[in-house]
Amino acid sequence: MRAAAALFLSILLAEPATAQDGRHGHGHAEQHDWYRTLIHPFTGRPCCDERDCRPTRAYVDDEGLWRAMLDGRWVVVPNDVVLRNASPDGRSHICANERGVIFCFVGGVPKG
């Protein structure tokens, strides 16, 4: 009975996990002010709506297209959302919603 009560309390008091989805907490906070300066080149709208930008892993494929890790899978980044800005930390960053629509992308500095 004590074990069941302890389990119930641990579930009740547990904080929700947010770091796995890459939004708000998995790198967003460190670059938040910079994300707010990113503007989509065609729409003129901000890339960040306070929750959708975060660091990501990315590379340029053999066809010259950026591929980025988004929600656990590699996706092709459309050329019209690739910004020419340099990130302050040299890493790649992606702004995308929960449906996987990419608003803006900044490629990182190649390692090597």
PDB file of N, CA and C in Angstrom:
ATOM      1  N   MET A   1       0.821  -1.194   0.000  1.00  0.00           N
ATOM      2  CA  MET A   1       0.000   0.000   0.000  1.00  0.00           C
ATOM      3  C   MET A   1       0.868   1.262   0.000  1.00  0.00           C
ATOM      4  N   ARG A   2       1.963   1.222   0.774  1.00  0.00           N
ATOM      5  CA  ARG A   2       2.862   2.389   0.812  1.00  0.00           C
ATOM      6  C   ARG A   2       3.499   2.630  -0.553  1.00  0.00           C
ATOM      7  N   ALA A   3       3.849   1.543  -1.234  1.00  0.00           N
ATOM      8  CA  ALA A   3       4.459   1.690  -2.553  1.00  0.00           C
ATOM      9  C   ALA A   3       3.482   2.344  -3.526  1.00  0.00           C
ATOM     10  N   ALA A   4       2.226   1.950  -3.459  1.00  0.00           N
ATOM     11  CA  ALA A   4       1.216   2.536  -4.340  1.00  0.00           C
ATOM     12  C   ALA A   4       1.019   4.016  -4.027  1.00  0.00           C
ATOM     13  N   ALA A   5       1.010   4.361  -2.749  1.00  0.00           N
ATOM     14  CA  ALA A   5       0.855   5.762  -2.352  1.00  0.00           C
ATOM     15  C   ALA A   5       2.056   6.583  -2.806  1.00  0.00           C
ATOM     16  N   ALA A   6       3.250   6.021  -2.675  1.00  0.00           N
ATOM     17  CA  ALA A   6       4.460   6.724  -3.101  1.00  0.00           C
ATOM     18  C   ALA A   6       4.450   6.936  -4.614  1.00  0.00           C
ATOM     19  N   LEU A   7       4.023   5.921  -5.351  1.00  0.00           N
ATOM     20  CA  LEU A   7       3.942   6.045  -6.805  1.00  0.00           C
ATOM     21  C   LEU A   7       2.929   7.124  -7.191  1.00  0.00           C
ATOM     22  N   PHE A   8       1.784   7.110  -6.550  1.00  0.00           N
ATOM     23  CA  PHE A   8       0.748   8.111  -6.823  1.00  0.00           C
ATOM     24  C   PHE A   8       1.275   9.518  -6.571  1.00  0.00           C
ATOM     25  N   LEU A   9       1.955   9.723  -5.452  1.00  0.00           N
ATOM     26  CA  LEU A   9       2.497  11.044  -5.132  1.00  0.00           C
ATOM     27  C   LEU A   9       3.569  11.474  -6.123  1.00  0.00           C
ATOM     28  N   SER A  10       4.421  10.546  -6.536  1.00  0.00           N
ATOM     29  CA  SER A  10       5.484  10.907  -7.474  1.00  0.00           C
ATOM     30  C   SER A  10       4.898  11.309  -8.822  1.00  0.00           C
ATOM     31  N   ILE A  11       3.823  10.645  -9.243  1.00  0.00           N
ATOM     32  CA  ILE A  11       3.170  11.021 -10.498  1.00  0.00           C
ATOM     33  C   ILE A  11       2.472  12.368 -10.352  1.00  0.00           C
ATOM     34  N   LEU A  12       1.808  12.551  -9.251  1.00  0.00           N
ATOM     35  CA  LEU A  12       1.070  13.783  -8.994  1.00  0.00           C
ATOM     36  C   LEU A  12       1.984  15.002  -8.938  1.00  0.00           C
ATOM     37  N   LEU A  13       3.153  14.841  -8.344  1.00  0.00           N
ATOM     38  CA  LEU A  13       4.061  15.967  -8.146  1.00  0.00           C
ATOM     39  C   LEU A  13       5.076  16.148  -9.269  1.00  0.00           C
ATOM     40  N   ALA A  14       5.106  15.223 -10.203  1.00  0.00           N
ATOM     41  CA  ALA A  14       6.094  15.299 -11.283  1.00  0.00           C
ATOM     42  C   ALA A  14       5.802  16.490 -12.183  1.00  0.00           C
ATOM     43  N   GLU A  15       6.864  17.156 -12.625  1.00  0.00           N
ATOM     44  CA  GLU A  15       6.719  18.266 -13.561  1.00  0.00           C
ATOM     45  C   GLU A  15       6.672  17.704 -14.970  1.00  0.00           C
ATOM     46  N   PRO A  16       5.950  18.330 -15.866  1.00  0.00           N
ATOM     47  CA  PRO A  16       5.900  17.833 -17.237  1.00  0.00           C
ATOM     48  C   PRO A  16       7.254  17.984 -17.913  1.00  0.00           C
ATOM     49  N   ALA A  17       7.615  17.019 -18.733  1.00  0.00           N
ATOM     50  CA  ALA A  17       8.881  17.059 -19.462  1.00  0.00           C
ATOM     51  C   ALA A  17       8.693  17.871 -20.732  1.00  0.00           C
ATOM     52  N   THR A  18       9.582  18.827 -20.966  1.00  0.00           N
ATOM     53  CA  THR A  18       9.478  19.640 -22.176  1.00  0.00           C
ATOM     54  C   THR A  18      10.757  19.627 -22.993  1.00  0.00           C
ATOM     55  N   ALA A  19      11.835  19.120 -22.473  1.00  0.00           N
ATOM     56  CA  ALA A  19      13.112  19.208 -23.175  1.00  0.00           C
ATOM     57  C   ALA A  19      13.163  18.317 -24.404  1.00  0.00           C
ATOM     58  N   GLN A  20      12.404  17.263 -24.463  1.00  0.00           N
ATOM     59  CA  GLN A  20      12.498  16.341 -25.573  1.00  0.00           C
ATOM     60  C   GLN A  20      11.974  16.909 -26.886  1.00  0.00           C
ATOM     61  N   ASP A  21      11.049  17.819 -26.839  1.00  0.00           N
ATOM     62  CA  ASP A  21      10.487  18.310 -28.086  1.00  0.00           C
ATOM     63  C   ASP A  21      11.282  19.462 -28.687  1.00  0.00           C
ATOM     64  N   GLY A  22      12.292  19.958 -27.987  1.00  0.00           N
ATOM     65  CA  GLY A  22      13.135  21.008 -28.530  1.00  0.00           C
ATOM     66  C   GLY A  22      12.533  22.390 -28.452  1.00  0.00           C
ATOM     67  N   ARG A  23      11.412  22.534 -27.815  1.00  0.00           N
ATOM     68  CA  ARG A  23      10.778  23.838 -27.680  1.00  0.00           C
ATOM     69  C   ARG A  23      10.886  24.281 -26.237  1.00  0.00           C
ATOM     70  N   HIS A  24      11.098  25.555 -26.049  1.00  0.00           N
ATOM     71  CA  HIS A  24      11.154  26.126 -24.697  1.00  0.00           C
ATOM     72  C   HIS A  24      11.945  25.273 -23.723  1.00  0.00           C
ATOM     73  N   GLY A  25      13.215  25.343 -23.797  1.00  0.00           N
ATOM     74  CA  GLY A  25      14.018  24.690 -22.787  1.00  0.00           C
ATOM     75  C   GLY A  25      15.172  23.912 -23.348  1.00  0.00           C
ATOM     76  N   HIS A  26      15.044  23.423 -24.545  1.00  0.00           N
ATOM     77  CA  HIS A  26      16.124  22.639 -25.124  1.00  0.00           C
ATOM     78  C   HIS A  26      16.913  23.526 -26.083  1.00  0.00           C
ATOM     79  N   GLY A  27      17.450  24.599 -25.546  1.00  0.00           N
ATOM     80  CA  GLY A  27      18.260  25.513 -26.332  1.00  0.00           C
ATOM     81  C   GLY A  27      17.568  26.809 -26.710  1.00  0.00           C
ATOM     82  N   HIS A  28      16.263  26.880 -26.578  1.00  0.00           N
ATOM     83  CA  HIS A  28      15.536  28.095 -26.974  1.00  0.00           C
ATOM     84  C   HIS A  28      15.898  29.286 -26.090  1.00  0.00           C
ATOM     85  N   ALA A  29      15.926  29.065 -24.802  1.00  0.00           N
ATOM     86  CA  ALA A  29      16.132  30.175 -23.859  1.00  0.00           C
ATOM     87  C   ALA A  29      17.463  30.888 -24.085  1.00  0.00           C
ATOM     88  N   GLU A  30      18.511  30.115 -24.400  1.00  0.00           N
ATOM     89  CA  GLU A  30      19.838  30.712 -24.565  1.00  0.00           C
ATOM     90  C   GLU A  30      19.894  31.686 -25.736  1.00  0.00           C
ATOM     91  N   GLN A  31      19.102  31.448 -26.770  1.00  0.00           N
ATOM     92  CA  GLN A  31      19.155  32.279 -27.974  1.00  0.00           C
ATOM     93  C   GLN A  31      17.880  33.085 -28.189  1.00  0.00           C
ATOM     94  N   HIS A  32      17.000  33.128 -27.206  1.00  0.00           N
ATOM     95  CA  HIS A  32      15.689  33.756 -27.378  1.00  0.00           C
ATOM     96  C   HIS A  32      15.772  35.180 -27.928  1.00  0.00           C
ATOM     97  N   ASP A  33      16.628  36.010 -27.374  1.00  0.00           N
ATOM     98  CA  ASP A  33      16.723  37.396 -27.842  1.00  0.00           C
ATOM     99  C   ASP A  33      17.157  37.458 -29.304  1.00  0.00           C
ATOM    100  N   TRP A  34      18.089  36.594 -29.677  1.00  0.00           N
ATOM    101  CA  TRP A  34      18.539  36.558 -31.073  1.00  0.00           C
ATOM    102  C   TRP A  34      17.419  36.055 -31.989  1.00  0.00           C
ATOM    103  N   TYR A  35      16.698  35.020 -31.576  1.00  0.00           N
ATOM    104  CA  TYR A  35      15.586  34.513 -32.389  1.00  0.00           C
ATOM    105  C   TYR A  35      14.591  35.624 -32.710  1.00  0.00           C
ATOM    106  N   ARG A  36      14.375  36.511 -31.778  1.00  0.00           N
ATOM    107  CA  ARG A  36      13.399  37.590 -31.989  1.00  0.00           C
ATOM    108  C   ARG A  36      13.840  38.562 -33.080  1.00  0.00           C
ATOM    109  N   THR A  37      15.129  38.556 -33.451  1.00  0.00           N
ATOM    110  CA  THR A  37      15.618  39.447 -34.508  1.00  0.00           C
ATOM    111  C   THR A  37      15.499  38.828 -35.899  1.00  0.00           C
ATOM    112  N   LEU A  38      15.217  37.543 -35.988  1.00  0.00           N
ATOM    113  CA  LEU A  38      15.153  36.863 -37.282  1.00  0.00           C
ATOM    114  C   LEU A  38      13.847  37.196 -37.998  1.00  0.00           C
ATOM    115  N   ILE A  39      13.978  37.603 -39.246  1.00  0.00           N
ATOM    116  CA  ILE A  39      12.828  37.994 -40.058  1.00  0.00           C
ATOM    117  C   ILE A  39      12.843  37.169 -41.346  1.00  0.00           C
ATOM    118  N   HIS A  40      11.691  36.605 -41.701  1.00  0.00           N
ATOM    119  CA  HIS A  40      11.579  35.843 -42.946  1.00  0.00           C
ATOM    120  C   HIS A  40      11.772  36.808 -44.117  1.00  0.00           C
ATOM    121  N   PRO A  41      12.639  36.455 -45.090  1.00  0.00           N
ATOM    122  CA  PRO A  41      12.975  37.405 -46.153  1.00  0.00           C
ATOM    123  C   PRO A  41      11.818  37.751 -47.090  1.00  0.00           C
ATOM    124  N   PHE A  42      10.863  36.865 -47.265  1.00  0.00           N
ATOM    125  CA  PHE A  42       9.769  37.130 -48.203  1.00  0.00           C
ATOM    126  C   PHE A  42       8.519  37.682 -47.533  1.00  0.00           C
ATOM    127  N   THR A  43       8.230  37.217 -46.341  1.00  0.00           N
ATOM    128  CA  THR A  43       7.009  37.678 -45.671  1.00  0.00           C
ATOM    129  C   THR A  43       7.249  38.909 -44.816  1.00  0.00           C
ATOM    130  N   GLY A  44       8.498  39.122 -44.398  1.00  0.00           N
ATOM    131  CA  GLY A  44       8.809  40.235 -43.511  1.00  0.00           C
ATOM    132  C   GLY A  44       8.325  40.021 -42.086  1.00  0.00           C
ATOM    133  N   ARG A  45       7.864  38.818 -41.801  1.00  0.00           N
ATOM    134  CA  ARG A  45       7.346  38.502 -40.462  1.00  0.00           C
ATOM    135  C   ARG A  45       8.448  37.900 -39.599  1.00  0.00           C
ATOM    136  N   PRO A  46       8.350  38.057 -38.294  1.00  0.00           N
ATOM    137  CA  PRO A  46       9.325  37.433 -37.392  1.00  0.00           C
ATOM    138  C   PRO A  46       9.278  35.910 -37.511  1.00  0.00           C
ATOM    139  N   CYS A  47      10.423  35.291 -37.370  1.00  0.00           N
ATOM    140  CA  CYS A  47      10.501  33.828 -37.415  1.00  0.00           C
ATOM    141  C   CYS A  47      10.046  33.201 -36.106  1.00  0.00           C
ATOM    142  N   CYS A  48      10.209  33.909 -35.022  1.00  0.00           N
ATOM    143  CA  CYS A  48       9.952  33.353 -33.693  1.00  0.00           C
ATOM    144  C   CYS A  48       8.631  33.864 -33.148  1.00  0.00           C
ATOM    145  N   ASP A  49       7.810  32.937 -32.668  1.00  0.00           N
ATOM    146  CA  ASP A  49       6.584  33.356 -31.985  1.00  0.00           C
ATOM    147  C   ASP A  49       6.635  32.938 -30.523  1.00  0.00           C
ATOM    148  N   GLU A  50       7.830  33.002 -29.977  1.00  0.00           N
ATOM    149  CA  GLU A  50       8.083  32.743 -28.551  1.00  0.00           C
ATOM    150  C   GLU A  50       8.215  31.270 -28.199  1.00  0.00           C
ATOM    151  N   ARG A  51       8.066  30.343 -29.150  1.00  0.00           N
ATOM    152  CA  ARG A  51       8.168  28.954 -28.762  1.00  0.00           C
ATOM    153  C   ARG A  51       8.678  28.007 -29.832  1.00  0.00           C
ATOM    154  N   ASP A  52       8.882  28.467 -31.054  1.00  0.00           N
ATOM    155  CA  ASP A  52       9.133  27.511 -32.113  1.00  0.00           C
ATOM    156  C   ASP A  52      10.562  27.453 -32.645  1.00  0.00           C
ATOM    157  N   CYS A  53      11.474  28.277 -32.169  1.00  0.00           N
ATOM    158  CA  CYS A  53      12.863  28.253 -32.633  1.00  0.00           C
ATOM    159  C   CYS A  53      13.733  27.502 -31.644  1.00  0.00           C
ATOM    160  N   ARG A  54      14.696  26.766 -32.173  1.00  0.00           N
ATOM    161  CA  ARG A  54      15.610  26.016 -31.318  1.00  0.00           C
ATOM    162  C   ARG A  54      16.826  25.582 -32.132  1.00  0.00           C
ATOM    163  N   PRO A  55      17.925  25.244 -31.439  1.00  0.00           N
ATOM    164  CA  PRO A  55      19.096  24.712 -32.127  1.00  0.00           C
ATOM    165  C   PRO A  55      18.751  23.349 -32.732  1.00  0.00           C
ATOM    166  N   THR A  56      19.461  22.987 -33.779  1.00  0.00           N
ATOM    167  CA  THR A  56      19.256  21.685 -34.399  1.00  0.00           C
ATOM    168  C   THR A  56      20.554  21.205 -35.020  1.00  0.00           C
ATOM    169  N   ARG A  57      20.585  19.958 -35.401  1.00  0.00           N
ATOM    170  CA  ARG A  57      21.707  19.423 -36.177  1.00  0.00           C
ATOM    171  C   ARG A  57      21.335  19.561 -37.644  1.00  0.00           C
ATOM    172  N   ALA A  58      22.307  19.896 -38.478  1.00  0.00           N
ATOM    173  CA  ALA A  58      22.022  20.087 -39.899  1.00  0.00           C
ATOM    174  C   ALA A  58      23.286  19.895 -40.716  1.00  0.00           C
ATOM    175  N   TYR A  59      23.090  19.633 -42.002  1.00  0.00           N
ATOM    176  CA  TYR A  59      24.213  19.504 -42.927  1.00  0.00           C
ATOM    177  C   TYR A  59      23.725  19.841 -44.328  1.00  0.00           C
ATOM    178  N   VAL A  60      24.679  20.104 -45.223  1.00  0.00           N
ATOM    179  CA  VAL A  60      24.362  20.338 -46.624  1.00  0.00           C
ATOM    180  C   VAL A  60      24.579  19.023 -47.356  1.00  0.00           C
ATOM    181  N   ASP A  61      23.552  18.566 -48.100  1.00  0.00           N
ATOM    182  CA  ASP A  61      23.663  17.281 -48.790  1.00  0.00           C
ATOM    183  C   ASP A  61      24.414  17.439 -50.114  1.00  0.00           C
ATOM    184  N   ASP A  62      24.557  16.344 -50.860  1.00  0.00           N
ATOM    185  CA  ASP A  62      25.308  16.349 -52.119  1.00  0.00           C
ATOM    186  C   ASP A  62      24.679  17.236 -53.192  1.00  0.00           C
ATOM    187  N   GLU A  63      23.400  17.545 -53.049  1.00  0.00           N
ATOM    188  CA  GLU A  63      22.714  18.403 -54.015  1.00  0.00           C
ATOM    189  C   GLU A  63      22.733  19.874 -53.600  1.00  0.00           C
ATOM    190  N   GLY A  64      23.418  20.176 -52.494  1.00  0.00           N
ATOM    191  CA  GLY A  64      23.523  21.550 -52.028  1.00  0.00           C
ATOM    192  C   GLY A  64      22.346  22.026 -51.200  1.00  0.00           C
ATOM    193  N   LEU A  65      21.493  21.102 -50.772  1.00  0.00           N
ATOM    194  CA  LEU A  65      20.338  21.454 -49.948  1.00  0.00           C
ATOM    195  C   LEU A  65      20.642  21.208 -48.480  1.00  0.00           C
ATOM    196  N   TRP A  66      20.112  22.078 -47.641  1.00  0.00           N
ATOM    197  CA  TRP A  66      20.245  21.864 -46.206  1.00  0.00           C
ATOM    198  C   TRP A  66      19.282  20.769 -45.773  1.00  0.00           C
ATOM    199  N   ARG A  67      19.749  19.910 -44.896  1.00  0.00           N
ATOM    200  CA  ARG A  67      18.912  18.908 -44.229  1.00  0.00           C
ATOM    201  C   ARG A  67      19.072  19.150 -42.738  1.00  0.00           C
ATOM    202  N   ALA A  68      17.958  19.148 -42.040  1.00  0.00           N
ATOM    203  CA  ALA A  68      17.983  19.449 -40.607  1.00  0.00           C
ATOM    204  C   ALA A  68      17.198  18.398 -39.837  1.00  0.00           C
ATOM    205  N   MET A  69      17.601  18.184 -38.600  1.00  0.00           N
ATOM    206  CA  MET A  69      16.882  17.291 -37.703  1.00  0.00           C
ATOM    207  C   MET A  69      15.695  18.067 -37.143  1.00  0.00           C
ATOM    208  N   LEU A  70      14.496  17.541 -37.374  1.00  0.00           N
ATOM    209  CA  LEU A  70      13.272  18.176 -36.894  1.00  0.00           C
ATOM    210  C   LEU A  70      12.379  17.099 -36.302  1.00  0.00           C
ATOM    211  N   ASP A  71      12.134  17.197 -35.024  1.00  0.00           N
ATOM    212  CA  ASP A  71      11.280  16.236 -34.320  1.00  0.00           C
ATOM    213  C   ASP A  71      11.722  14.794 -34.548  1.00  0.00           C
ATOM    214  N   GLY A  72      13.042  14.587 -34.495  1.00  0.00           N
ATOM    215  CA  GLY A  72      13.588  13.239 -34.561  1.00  0.00           C
ATOM    216  C   GLY A  72      13.785  12.668 -35.950  1.00  0.00           C
ATOM    217  N   ARG A  73      13.595  13.470 -36.987  1.00  0.00           N
ATOM    218  CA  ARG A  73      13.816  12.960 -38.344  1.00  0.00           C
ATOM    219  C   ARG A  73      14.500  14.029 -39.197  1.00  0.00           C
ATOM    220  N   TRP A  74      15.257  13.558 -40.195  1.00  0.00           N
ATOM    221  CA  TRP A  74      15.934  14.471 -41.101  1.00  0.00           C
ATOM    222  C   TRP A  74      14.946  14.959 -42.145  1.00  0.00           C
ATOM    223  N   VAL A  75      14.901  16.268 -42.362  1.00  0.00           N
ATOM    224  CA  VAL A  75      14.010  16.863 -43.360  1.00  0.00           C
ATOM    225  C   VAL A  75      14.810  17.807 -44.247  1.00  0.00           C
ATOM    226  N   VAL A  76      14.359  17.954 -45.490  1.00  0.00           N
ATOM    227  CA  VAL A  76      14.956  18.932 -46.399  1.00  0.00           C
ATOM    228  C   VAL A  76      14.413  20.303 -46.021  1.00  0.00           C
ATOM    229  N   VAL A  77      15.307  21.258 -45.905  1.00  0.00           N
ATOM    230  CA  VAL A  77      14.914  22.632 -45.575  1.00  0.00           C
ATOM    231  C   VAL A  77      14.657  23.376 -46.886  1.00  0.00           C
ATOM    232  N   PRO A  78      13.453  23.901 -47.083  1.00  0.00           N
ATOM    233  CA  PRO A  78      13.180  24.655 -48.316  1.00  0.00           C
ATOM    234  C   PRO A  78      14.115  25.867 -48.437  1.00  0.00           C
ATOM    235  N   ASN A  79      14.627  26.095 -49.639  1.00  0.00           N
ATOM    236  CA  ASN A  79      15.569  27.200 -49.847  1.00  0.00           C
ATOM    237  C   ASN A  79      14.998  28.553 -49.455  1.00  0.00           C
ATOM    238  N   ASP A  80      13.683  28.738 -49.599  1.00  0.00           N
ATOM    239  CA  ASP A  80      13.118  30.062 -49.322  1.00  0.00           C
ATOM    240  C   ASP A  80      13.014  30.391 -47.838  1.00  0.00           C
ATOM    241  N   VAL A  81      13.337  29.452 -46.959  1.00  0.00           N
ATOM    242  CA  VAL A  81      13.334  29.757 -45.520  1.00  0.00           C
ATOM    243  C   VAL A  81      14.746  29.822 -44.945  1.00  0.00           C
ATOM    244  N   VAL A  82      15.751  29.588 -45.797  1.00  0.00           N
ATOM    245  CA  VAL A  82      17.142  29.636 -45.340  1.00  0.00           C
ATOM    246  C   VAL A  82      17.578  31.095 -45.262  1.00  0.00           C
ATOM    247  N   LEU A  83      17.934  31.524 -44.061  1.00  0.00           N
ATOM    248  CA  LEU A  83      18.405  32.896 -43.852  1.00  0.00           C
ATOM    249  C   LEU A  83      19.915  32.940 -43.997  1.00  0.00           C
ATOM    250  N   ARG A  84      20.430  34.059 -44.372  1.00  0.00           N
ATOM    251  CA  ARG A  84      21.883  34.216 -44.550  1.00  0.00           C
ATOM    252  C   ARG A  84      22.553  34.733 -43.282  1.00  0.00           C
ATOM    253  N   ASN A  85      21.798  34.873 -42.214  1.00  0.00           N
ATOM    254  CA  ASN A  85      22.355  35.327 -40.935  1.00  0.00           C
ATOM    255  C   ASN A  85      23.335  34.289 -40.397  1.00  0.00           C
ATOM    256  N   ALA A  86      24.281  34.744 -39.620  1.00  0.00           N
ATOM    257  CA  ALA A  86      25.156  33.837 -38.880  1.00  0.00           C
ATOM    258  C   ALA A  86      24.627  33.752 -37.451  1.00  0.00           C
ATOM    259  N   SER A  87      24.620  32.563 -36.912  1.00  0.00           N
ATOM    260  CA  SER A  87      24.139  32.425 -35.530  1.00  0.00           C
ATOM    261  C   SER A  87      25.244  32.801 -34.557  1.00  0.00           C
ATOM    262  N   PRO A  88      24.890  33.348 -33.415  1.00  0.00           N
ATOM    263  CA  PRO A  88      25.900  33.774 -32.449  1.00  0.00           C
ATOM    264  C   PRO A  88      26.721  32.628 -31.885  1.00  0.00           C
ATOM    265  N   ASP A  89      26.173  31.417 -31.910  1.00  0.00           N
ATOM    266  CA  ASP A  89      26.905  30.279 -31.354  1.00  0.00           C
ATOM    267  C   ASP A  89      27.499  29.371 -32.431  1.00  0.00           C
ATOM    268  N   GLY A  90      27.333  29.717 -33.707  1.00  0.00           N
ATOM    269  CA  GLY A  90      27.893  28.925 -34.791  1.00  0.00           C
ATOM    270  C   GLY A  90      27.104  27.668 -35.124  1.00  0.00           C
ATOM    271  N   ARG A  91      26.023  27.418 -34.404  1.00  0.00           N
ATOM    272  CA  ARG A  91      25.219  26.218 -34.630  1.00  0.00           C
ATOM    273  C   ARG A  91      24.085  26.508 -35.610  1.00  0.00           C
ATOM    274  N   SER A  92      23.468  25.433 -36.093  1.00  0.00           N
ATOM    275  CA  SER A  92      22.271  25.566 -36.918  1.00  0.00           C
ATOM    276  C   SER A  92      21.064  25.759 -36.013  1.00  0.00           C
ATOM    277  N   HIS A  93      20.088  26.522 -36.507  1.00  0.00           N
ATOM    278  CA  HIS A  93      18.865  26.786 -35.745  1.00  0.00           C
ATOM    279  C   HIS A  93      17.676  26.687 -36.690  1.00  0.00           C
ATOM    280  N   ILE A  94      16.575  26.182 -36.161  1.00  0.00           N
ATOM    281  CA  ILE A  94      15.370  26.005 -36.964  1.00  0.00           C
ATOM    282  C   ILE A  94      14.173  26.580 -36.222  1.00  0.00           C
ATOM    283  N   CYS A  95      13.290  27.213 -36.961  1.00  0.00           N
ATOM    284  CA  CYS A  95      12.022  27.711 -36.416  1.00  0.00           C
ATOM    285  C   CYS A  95      10.923  26.974 -37.168  1.00  0.00           C
ATOM    286  N   ALA A  96      10.194  26.128 -36.466  1.00  0.00           N
ATOM    287  CA  ALA A  96       9.148  25.316 -37.089  1.00  0.00           C
ATOM    288  C   ALA A  96       8.037  25.070 -36.090  1.00  0.00           C
ATOM    289  N   ASN A  97       6.835  24.885 -36.607  1.00  0.00           N
ATOM    290  CA  ASN A  97       5.716  24.631 -35.704  1.00  0.00           C
ATOM    291  C   ASN A  97       5.574  23.140 -35.401  1.00  0.00           C
ATOM    292  N   GLU A  98       4.585  22.805 -34.599  1.00  0.00           N
ATOM    293  CA  GLU A  98       4.403  21.416 -34.176  1.00  0.00           C
ATOM    294  C   GLU A  98       3.961  20.507 -35.318  1.00  0.00           C
ATOM    295  N   ARG A  99       3.512  21.062 -36.435  1.00  0.00           N
ATOM    296  CA  ARG A  99       3.156  20.256 -37.609  1.00  0.00           C
ATOM    297  C   ARG A  99       4.354  20.016 -38.522  1.00  0.00           C
ATOM    298  N   GLY A 100       5.506  20.622 -38.193  1.00  0.00           N
ATOM    299  CA  GLY A 100       6.701  20.432 -38.995  1.00  0.00           C
ATOM    300  C   GLY A 100       6.894  21.460 -40.096  1.00  0.00           C
ATOM    301  N   VAL A 101       6.077  22.507 -40.108  1.00  0.00           N
ATOM    302  CA  VAL A 101       6.240  23.571 -41.097  1.00  0.00           C
ATOM    303  C   VAL A 101       7.399  24.455 -40.649  1.00  0.00           C
ATOM    304  N   ILE A 102       8.410  24.574 -41.507  1.00  0.00           N
ATOM    305  CA  ILE A 102       9.599  25.359 -41.182  1.00  0.00           C
ATOM    306  C   ILE A 102       9.376  26.803 -41.614  1.00  0.00           C
ATOM    307  N   PHE A 103       9.544  27.731 -40.667  1.00  0.00           N
ATOM    308  CA  PHE A 103       9.401  29.155 -40.956  1.00  0.00           C
ATOM    309  C   PHE A 103      10.732  29.760 -41.370  1.00  0.00           C
ATOM    310  N   CYS A 104      11.790  29.438 -40.631  1.00  0.00           N
ATOM    311  CA  CYS A 104      13.115  29.993 -40.883  1.00  0.00           C
ATOM    312  C   CYS A 104      14.169  28.980 -40.465  1.00  0.00           C
ATOM    313  N   PHE A 105      15.331  29.082 -41.100  1.00  0.00           N
ATOM    314  CA  PHE A 105      16.449  28.194 -40.792  1.00  0.00           C
ATOM    315  C   PHE A 105      17.737  28.983 -40.953  1.00  0.00           C
ATOM    316  N   VAL A 106      18.646  28.794 -40.011  1.00  0.00           N
ATOM    317  CA  VAL A 106      19.980  29.386 -40.094  1.00  0.00           C
ATOM    318  C   VAL A 106      20.978  28.242 -40.024  1.00  0.00           C
ATOM    319  N   GLY A 107      21.785  28.104 -41.073  1.00  0.00           N
ATOM    320  CA  GLY A 107      22.782  27.041 -41.104  1.00  0.00           C
ATOM    321  C   GLY A 107      23.977  27.385 -40.245  1.00  0.00           C
ATOM    322  N   GLY A 108      24.521  26.381 -39.620  1.00  0.00           N
ATOM    323  CA  GLY A 108      25.674  26.577 -38.754  1.00  0.00           C
ATOM    324  C   GLY A 108      26.981  26.581 -39.520  1.00  0.00           C
ATOM    325  N   VAL A 109      28.039  26.800 -38.800  1.00  0.00           N
ATOM    326  CA  VAL A 109      29.384  26.788 -39.360  1.00  0.00           C
ATOM    327  C   VAL A 109      29.826  25.332 -39.480  1.00  0.00           C
ATOM    328  N   PRO A 110      30.254  24.906 -40.687  1.00  0.00           N
ATOM    329  CA  PRO A 110      30.697  23.511 -40.838  1.00  0.00           C
ATOM    330  C   PRO A 110      31.870  23.201 -39.925  1.00  0.00           C
ATOM    331  N   LYS A 111      31.852  22.015 -39.372  1.00  0.00           N
ATOM    332  CA  LYS A 111      32.954  21.572 -38.511  1.00  0.00           C
ATOM    333  C   LYS A 111      33.968  20.842 -39.367  1.00  0.00           C
ATOM    334  N   GLY A 112      35.189  20.997 -39.020  1.00  0.00           N
ATOM    335  CA  GLY A 112      36.160  20.242 -39.781  1.00  0.00           C
ATOM    336  C   GLY A 112      37.401  20.962 -39.863  1.00  0.00           C
TER     337      GLY A 112
END
